PDB file of N, CA and C in Angstrom:
ATOM      1  N   MET A   1     140.518  71.773  61.892  1.00  0.00           N
ATOM      2  CA  MET A   1     140.722  73.190  62.190  1.00  0.00           C
ATOM      3  C   MET A   1     139.981  74.022  61.136  1.00  0.00           C
ATOM      4  N   PRO A   2     139.174  74.976  61.583  1.00  0.00           N
ATOM      5  CA  PRO A   2     138.440  75.799  60.631  1.00  0.00           C
ATOM      6  C   PRO A   2     139.390  76.660  59.793  1.00  0.00           C
ATOM      7  N   THR A   3     138.990  76.863  58.587  1.00  0.00           N
ATOM      8  CA  THR A   3     139.794  77.716  57.715  1.00  0.00           C
ATOM      9  C   THR A   3     139.517  79.171  58.026  1.00  0.00           C
ATOM     10  N   THR A   4     140.325  80.035  57.465  1.00  0.00           N
ATOM     11  CA  THR A   4     140.167  81.467  57.685  1.00  0.00           C
ATOM     12  C   THR A   4     138.794  81.929  57.215  1.00  0.00           C
ATOM     13  N   PHE A   5     138.359  81.381  56.073  1.00  0.00           N
ATOM     14  CA  PHE A   5     137.044  81.754  55.543  1.00  0.00           C
ATOM     15  C   PHE A   5     135.934  81.362  56.518  1.00  0.00           C
ATOM     16  N   GLN A   6     135.993  80.163  57.097  1.00  0.00           N
ATOM     17  CA  GLN A   6     134.983  79.699  58.047  1.00  0.00           C
ATOM     18  C   GLN A   6     134.981  80.567  59.305  1.00  0.00           C
ATOM     19  N   LYS A   7     136.163  80.913  59.763  1.00  0.00           N
ATOM     20  CA  LYS A   7     136.263  81.782  60.948  1.00  0.00           C
ATOM     21  C   LYS A   7     135.625  83.143  60.676  1.00  0.00           C
ATOM     22  N   ARG A   8     135.891  83.683  59.495  1.00  0.00           N
ATOM     23  CA  ARG A   8     135.336  84.981  59.138  1.00  0.00           C
ATOM     24  C   ARG A   8     133.812  84.912  59.043  1.00  0.00           C
ATOM     25  N   GLN A   9     133.299  83.833  58.447  1.00  0.00           N
ATOM     26  CA  GLN A   9     131.854  83.651  58.339  1.00  0.00           C
ATOM     27  C   GLN A   9     131.222  83.530  59.722  1.00  0.00           C
ATOM     28  N   LYS A  10     131.871  82.782  60.599  1.00  0.00           N
ATOM     29  CA  LYS A  10     131.359  82.606  61.960  1.00  0.00           C
ATOM     30  C   LYS A  10     131.320  83.946  62.704  1.00  0.00           C
ATOM     31  N   GLU A  11     132.368  84.728  62.572  1.00  0.00           N
ATOM     32  CA  GLU A  11     132.426  86.032  63.235  1.00  0.00           C
ATOM     33  C   GLU A  11     131.367  86.979  62.670  1.00  0.00           C
ATOM     34  N   MET A  12     131.156  86.960  61.364  1.00  0.00           N
ATOM     35  CA  MET A  12     130.133  87.811  60.750  1.00  0.00           C
ATOM     36  C   MET A  12     128.744  87.410  61.249  1.00  0.00           C
ATOM     37  N   LYS A  13     128.514  86.115  61.378  1.00  0.00           N
ATOM     38  CA  LYS A  13     127.231  85.629  61.881  1.00  0.00           C
ATOM     39  C   LYS A  13     127.018  86.074  63.332  1.00  0.00           C
ATOM     40  N   ARG A  14     128.070  85.991  64.139  1.00  0.00           N
ATOM     41  CA  ARG A  14     127.989  86.419  65.539  1.00  0.00           C
ATOM     42  C   ARG A  14     127.666  87.912  65.624  1.00  0.00           C
ATOM     43  N   GLN A  15     128.335  88.712  64.805  1.00  0.00           N
ATOM     44  CA  GLN A  15     128.086  90.149  64.810  1.00  0.00           C
ATOM     45  C   GLN A  15     126.664  90.467  64.358  1.00  0.00           C
ATOM     46  N   GLU A  16     126.170  89.749  63.362  1.00  0.00           N
ATOM     47  CA  GLU A  16     124.802  89.967  62.880  1.00  0.00           C
ATOM     48  C   GLU A  16     123.791  89.618  63.960  1.00  0.00           C
ATOM     49  N   LYS A  17     124.010  88.520  64.681  1.00  0.00           N
ATOM     50  CA  LYS A  17     123.103  88.136  65.775  1.00  0.00           C
ATOM     51  C   LYS A  17     123.100  89.205  66.860  1.00  0.00           C
ATOM     52  N   GLN A  18     124.286  89.739  67.179  1.00  0.00           N
ATOM     53  CA  GLN A  18     124.388  90.776  68.201  1.00  0.00           C
ATOM     54  C   GLN A  18     123.639  92.036  67.761  1.00  0.00           C
ATOM     55  N   LYS A  19     123.772  92.399  66.502  1.00  0.00           N
ATOM     56  CA  LYS A  19     123.087  93.576  65.973  1.00  0.00           C
ATOM     57  C   LYS A  19     121.569  93.389  66.035  1.00  0.00           C
ATOM     58  N   MET A  20     121.082  92.211  65.646  1.00  0.00           N
ATOM     59  CA  MET A  20     119.641  91.928  65.683  1.00  0.00           C
ATOM     60  C   MET A  20     119.124  91.985  67.117  1.00  0.00           C
ATOM     61  N   LYS A  21     119.893  91.465  68.054  1.00  0.00           N
ATOM     62  CA  LYS A  21     119.492  91.473  69.457  1.00  0.00           C
ATOM     63  C   LYS A  21     119.372  92.914  69.970  1.00  0.00           C
ATOM     64  N   LEU A  22     120.330  93.751  69.625  1.00  0.00           N
ATOM     65  CA  LEU A  22     120.284  95.152  70.048  1.00  0.00           C
ATOM     66  C   LEU A  22     119.073  95.868  69.446  1.00  0.00           C
ATOM     67  N   GLU A  23     118.764  95.564  68.181  1.00  0.00           N
ATOM     68  CA  GLU A  23     117.593  96.170  67.543  1.00  0.00           C
ATOM     69  C   GLU A  23     116.304  95.727  68.223  1.00  0.00           C
ATOM     70  N   ARG A  24     116.210  94.445  68.569  1.00  0.00           N
ATOM     71  CA  ARG A  24     115.017  93.942  69.267  1.00  0.00           C
ATOM     72  C   ARG A  24     114.851  94.619  70.612  1.00  0.00           C
ATOM     73  N   ARG A  25     115.956  94.771  71.340  1.00  0.00           N
ATOM     74  CA  ARG A  25     115.887  95.429  72.650  1.00  0.00           C
ATOM     75  C   ARG A  25     115.427  96.880  72.513  1.00  0.00           C
ATOM     76  N   ALA A  26     115.970  97.584  71.514  1.00  0.00           N
ATOM     77  CA  ALA A  26     115.589  98.979  71.300  1.00  0.00           C
ATOM     78  C   ALA A  26     114.104  99.074  70.935  1.00  0.00           C
ATOM     79  N   GLN A  27     113.637  98.171  70.069  1.00  0.00           N
ATOM     80  CA  GLN A  27     112.229  98.183  69.674  1.00  0.00           C
ATOM     81  C   GLN A  27     111.330  97.890  70.867  1.00  0.00           C
ATOM     82  N   LYS A  28     111.729  96.934  71.697  1.00  0.00           N
ATOM     83  CA  LYS A  28     110.945  96.589  72.885  1.00  0.00           C
ATOM     84  C   LYS A  28     110.872  97.782  73.839  1.00  0.00           C
ATOM     85  N   LYS A  29     111.994  98.452  74.007  1.00  0.00           N
ATOM     86  CA  LYS A  29     112.041  99.611  74.898  1.00  0.00           C
ATOM     87  C   LYS A  29     111.137 100.726  74.370  1.00  0.00           C
ATOM     88  N   LEU A  30     111.152 100.929  73.051  1.00  0.00           N
ATOM     89  CA  LEU A  30     110.297 101.944  72.436  1.00  0.00           C
ATOM     90  C   LEU A  30     108.827 101.611  72.613  1.00  0.00           C
ATOM     91  N   SER A  31     108.448 100.379  72.334  1.00  0.00           N
ATOM     92  CA  SER A  31     107.040 100.001  72.425  1.00  0.00           C
ATOM     93  C   SER A  31     106.559  99.997  73.876  1.00  0.00           C
ATOM     94  N   GLU A  32     107.434  99.677  74.814  1.00  0.00           N
ATOM     95  CA  GLU A  32     107.052  99.715  76.226  1.00  0.00           C
ATOM     96  C   GLU A  32     106.843 101.150  76.683  1.00  0.00           C
ATOM     97  N   GLY A  33     107.641 102.063  76.172  1.00  0.00           N
ATOM     98  CA  GLY A  33     107.507 103.476  76.525  1.00  0.00           C
ATOM     99  C   GLY A  33     106.197 104.055  76.054  1.00  0.00           C
ATOM    100  N   GLU A  34     105.679 103.573  74.926  1.00  0.00           N
ATOM    101  CA  GLU A  34     104.416 104.077  74.388  1.00  0.00           C
ATOM    102  C   GLU A  34     103.232 103.653  75.240  1.00  0.00           C
ATOM    103  N   LYS A  35     103.232 102.407  75.685  1.00  0.00           N
ATOM    104  CA  LYS A  35     102.087 101.906  76.430  1.00  0.00           C
ATOM    105  C   LYS A  35     102.313 101.907  77.935  1.00  0.00           C
ATOM    106  N   GLY A  36     103.477 102.277  78.382  1.00  0.00           N
ATOM    107  CA  GLY A  36     103.783 102.292  79.804  1.00  0.00           C
ATOM    108  C   GLY A  36     104.253 100.926  80.261  1.00  0.00           C
ATOM    109  N   PRO A  37     104.772 100.847  81.460  1.00  0.00           N
ATOM    110  CA  PRO A  37     105.252  99.557  81.951  1.00  0.00           C
ATOM    111  C   PRO A  37     104.102  98.566  82.117  1.00  0.00           C
ATOM    112  N   SER A  38     104.417  97.324  81.903  1.00  0.00           N
ATOM    113  CA  SER A  38     103.404  96.268  81.997  1.00  0.00           C
ATOM    114  C   SER A  38     103.053  96.005  83.461  1.00  0.00           C
ATOM    115  N   THR A  39     101.752  95.812  83.748  1.00  0.00           N
ATOM    116  CA  THR A  39     101.317  95.496  85.109  1.00  0.00           C
ATOM    117  C   THR A  39     101.027  94.018  85.259  1.00  0.00           C
ATOM    118  N   ASP A  40     101.175  93.251  84.160  1.00  0.00           N
ATOM    119  CA  ASP A  40     100.962  91.806  84.175  1.00  0.00           C
ATOM    120  C   ASP A  40      99.598  91.417  84.728  1.00  0.00           C
ATOM    121  N   GLY A  41      98.584  92.230  84.485  1.00  0.00           N
ATOM    122  CA  GLY A  41      97.230  91.893  84.901  1.00  0.00           C
ATOM    123  C   GLY A  41      96.957  92.136  86.384  1.00  0.00           C
ATOM    124  N   LEU A  42      97.869  92.729  87.083  1.00  0.00           N
ATOM    125  CA  LEU A  42      97.650  93.008  88.501  1.00  0.00           C
ATOM    126  C   LEU A  42      96.797  94.258  88.652  1.00  0.00           C
ATOM    127  N   ASP A  43      95.929  94.236  89.633  1.00  0.00           N
ATOM    128  CA  ASP A  43      95.131  95.419  89.925  1.00  0.00           C
ATOM    129  C   ASP A  43      96.037  96.498  90.507  1.00  0.00           C
ATOM    130  N   GLU A  44      95.593  97.727  90.383  1.00  0.00           N
ATOM    131  CA  GLU A  44      96.375  98.821  90.928  1.00  0.00           C
ATOM    132  C   GLU A  44      96.392  98.715  92.452  1.00  0.00           C
ATOM    133  N   LEU A  45      97.545  98.961  93.040  1.00  0.00           N
ATOM    134  CA  LEU A  45      97.690  98.872  94.487  1.00  0.00           C
ATOM    135  C   LEU A  45      97.106 100.108  95.147  1.00  0.00           C
ATOM    136  N   GLN A  46      96.520  99.911  96.333  1.00  0.00           N
ATOM    137  CA  GLN A  46      95.949 101.013  97.089  1.00  0.00           C
ATOM    138  C   GLN A  46      96.644 101.097  98.440  1.00  0.00           C
ATOM    139  N   VAL A  47      96.851 102.315  98.915  1.00  0.00           N
ATOM    140  CA  VAL A  47      97.431 102.534 100.229  1.00  0.00           C
ATOM    141  C   VAL A  47      96.287 102.517 101.241  1.00  0.00           C
ATOM    142  N   LEU A  48      96.423 101.683 102.265  1.00  0.00           N
ATOM    143  CA  LEU A  48      95.384 101.582 103.292  1.00  0.00           C
ATOM    144  C   LEU A  48      95.792 102.383 104.516  1.00  0.00           C
ATOM    145  N   ASP A  49      94.835 103.042 105.117  1.00  0.00           N
ATOM    146  CA  ASP A  49      95.126 103.775 106.345  1.00  0.00           C
ATOM    147  C   ASP A  49      94.594 103.040 107.569  1.00  0.00           C
ATOM    148  N   ALA A  50      93.884 101.937 107.345  1.00  0.00           N
ATOM    149  CA  ALA A  50      93.347 101.107 108.431  1.00  0.00           C
ATOM    150  C   ALA A  50      93.210  99.675 107.914  1.00  0.00           C
ATOM    151  N   PRO A  51      93.119  98.700 108.833  1.00  0.00           N
ATOM    152  CA  PRO A  51      92.936  97.315 108.380  1.00  0.00           C
ATOM    153  C   PRO A  51      91.618  97.155 107.627  1.00  0.00           C
ATOM    154  N   GLN A  52      91.626  96.280 106.649  1.00  0.00           N
ATOM    155  CA  GLN A  52      90.417  96.008 105.887  1.00  0.00           C
ATOM    156  C   GLN A  52      89.821  94.698 106.394  1.00  0.00           C
ATOM    157  N   ILE A  53      88.534  94.700 106.686  1.00  0.00           N
ATOM    158  CA  ILE A  53      87.848  93.507 107.166  1.00  0.00           C
ATOM    159  C   ILE A  53      87.261  92.789 105.953  1.00  0.00           C
ATOM    160  N   LEU A  54      87.647  91.531 105.786  1.00  0.00           N
ATOM    161  CA  LEU A  54      87.160  90.747 104.667  1.00  0.00           C
ATOM    162  C   LEU A  54      85.857  90.070 105.037  1.00  0.00           C
ATOM    163  N   GLU A  55      84.897  90.138 104.144  1.00  0.00           N
ATOM    164  CA  GLU A  55      83.563  89.601 104.416  1.00  0.00           C
ATOM    165  C   GLU A  55      83.574  88.098 104.660  1.00  0.00           C
ATOM    166  N   GLU A  56      84.455  87.368 103.992  1.00  0.00           N
ATOM    167  CA  GLU A  56      84.445  85.908 104.150  1.00  0.00           C
ATOM    168  C   GLU A  56      84.837  85.467 105.568  1.00  0.00           C
ATOM    169  N   PHE A  57      85.391  86.353 106.393  1.00  0.00           N
ATOM    170  CA  PHE A  57      85.767  85.998 107.762  1.00  0.00           C
ATOM    171  C   PHE A  57      84.805  86.581 108.800  1.00  0.00           C
ATOM    172  N   MET A  58      83.786  87.266 108.372  1.00  0.00           N
ATOM    173  CA  MET A  58      82.882  87.926 109.298  1.00  0.00           C
ATOM    174  C   MET A  58      82.069  86.953 110.149  1.00  0.00           C
ATOM    175  N   ASP A  59      81.652  85.813 109.618  1.00  0.00           N
ATOM    176  CA  ASP A  59      80.764  84.897 110.328  1.00  0.00           C
ATOM    177  C   ASP A  59      81.488  83.795 111.100  1.00  0.00           C
ATOM    178  N   LEU A  60      82.801  83.750 111.059  1.00  0.00           N
ATOM    179  CA  LEU A  60      83.532  82.696 111.745  1.00  0.00           C
ATOM    180  C   LEU A  60      83.702  83.025 113.227  1.00  0.00           C
ATOM    181  N   PRO A  61      83.459  82.042 114.088  1.00  0.00           N
ATOM    182  CA  PRO A  61      83.751  82.263 115.515  1.00  0.00           C
ATOM    183  C   PRO A  61      85.256  82.437 115.694  1.00  0.00           C
ATOM    184  N   ASP A  62      85.653  83.072 116.773  1.00  0.00           N
ATOM    185  CA  ASP A  62      87.068  83.356 117.011  1.00  0.00           C
ATOM    186  C   ASP A  62      87.933  82.104 116.997  1.00  0.00           C
ATOM    187  N   ASN A  63      87.430  80.975 117.525  1.00  0.00           N
ATOM    188  CA  ASN A  63      88.259  79.780 117.608  1.00  0.00           C
ATOM    189  C   ASN A  63      88.414  79.078 116.251  1.00  0.00           C
ATOM    190  N   GLN A  64      87.669  79.478 115.206  1.00  0.00           N
ATOM    191  CA  GLN A  64      87.778  78.878 113.889  1.00  0.00           C
ATOM    192  C   GLN A  64      88.438  79.797 112.871  1.00  0.00           C
ATOM    193  N   HIS A  65      88.924  80.912 113.322  1.00  0.00           N
ATOM    194  CA  HIS A  65      89.555  81.864 112.420  1.00  0.00           C
ATOM    195  C   HIS A  65      90.811  81.232 111.802  1.00  0.00           C
ATOM    196  N   PRO A  66      91.041  81.362 110.483  1.00  0.00           N
ATOM    197  CA  PRO A  66      92.172  80.725 109.806  1.00  0.00           C
ATOM    198  C   PRO A  66      93.533  81.119 110.387  1.00  0.00           C
ATOM    199  N   SER A  67      93.653  82.318 110.904  1.00  0.00           N
ATOM    200  CA  SER A  67      94.956  82.733 111.426  1.00  0.00           C
ATOM    201  C   SER A  67      95.278  82.032 112.748  1.00  0.00           C
ATOM    202  N   LEU A  68      94.301  81.423 113.398  1.00  0.00           N
ATOM    203  CA  LEU A  68      94.538  80.743 114.669  1.00  0.00           C
ATOM    204  C   LEU A  68      94.815  79.249 114.497  1.00  0.00           C
ATOM    205  N   LYS A  69      94.634  78.703 113.312  1.00  0.00           N
ATOM    206  CA  LYS A  69      94.880  77.277 113.069  1.00  0.00           C
ATOM    207  C   LYS A  69      96.378  76.997 113.058  1.00  0.00           C
ATOM    208  N   ARG A  70      96.740  75.830 113.579  1.00  0.00           N
ATOM    209  CA  ARG A  70      98.163  75.467 113.626  1.00  0.00           C
ATOM    210  C   ARG A  70      98.388  74.167 112.944  1.00  0.00           C
TER     211      ARG A  70
END
């Protein structure tokens, strides 16, 4: 059975870890606010008003189109 001193040390360690975690979260939130939200390398999305024709499918006959394969 842990002694009172060990229990107190364990609780102090737990509180210190919690405090450090809160500080890290606050710092992360601050640094993210400065540079904006991360896009993870994704290109900016565009709104399309019509279908886009991809060049790699232009020369395929209708019966060889990838969307028709089963």
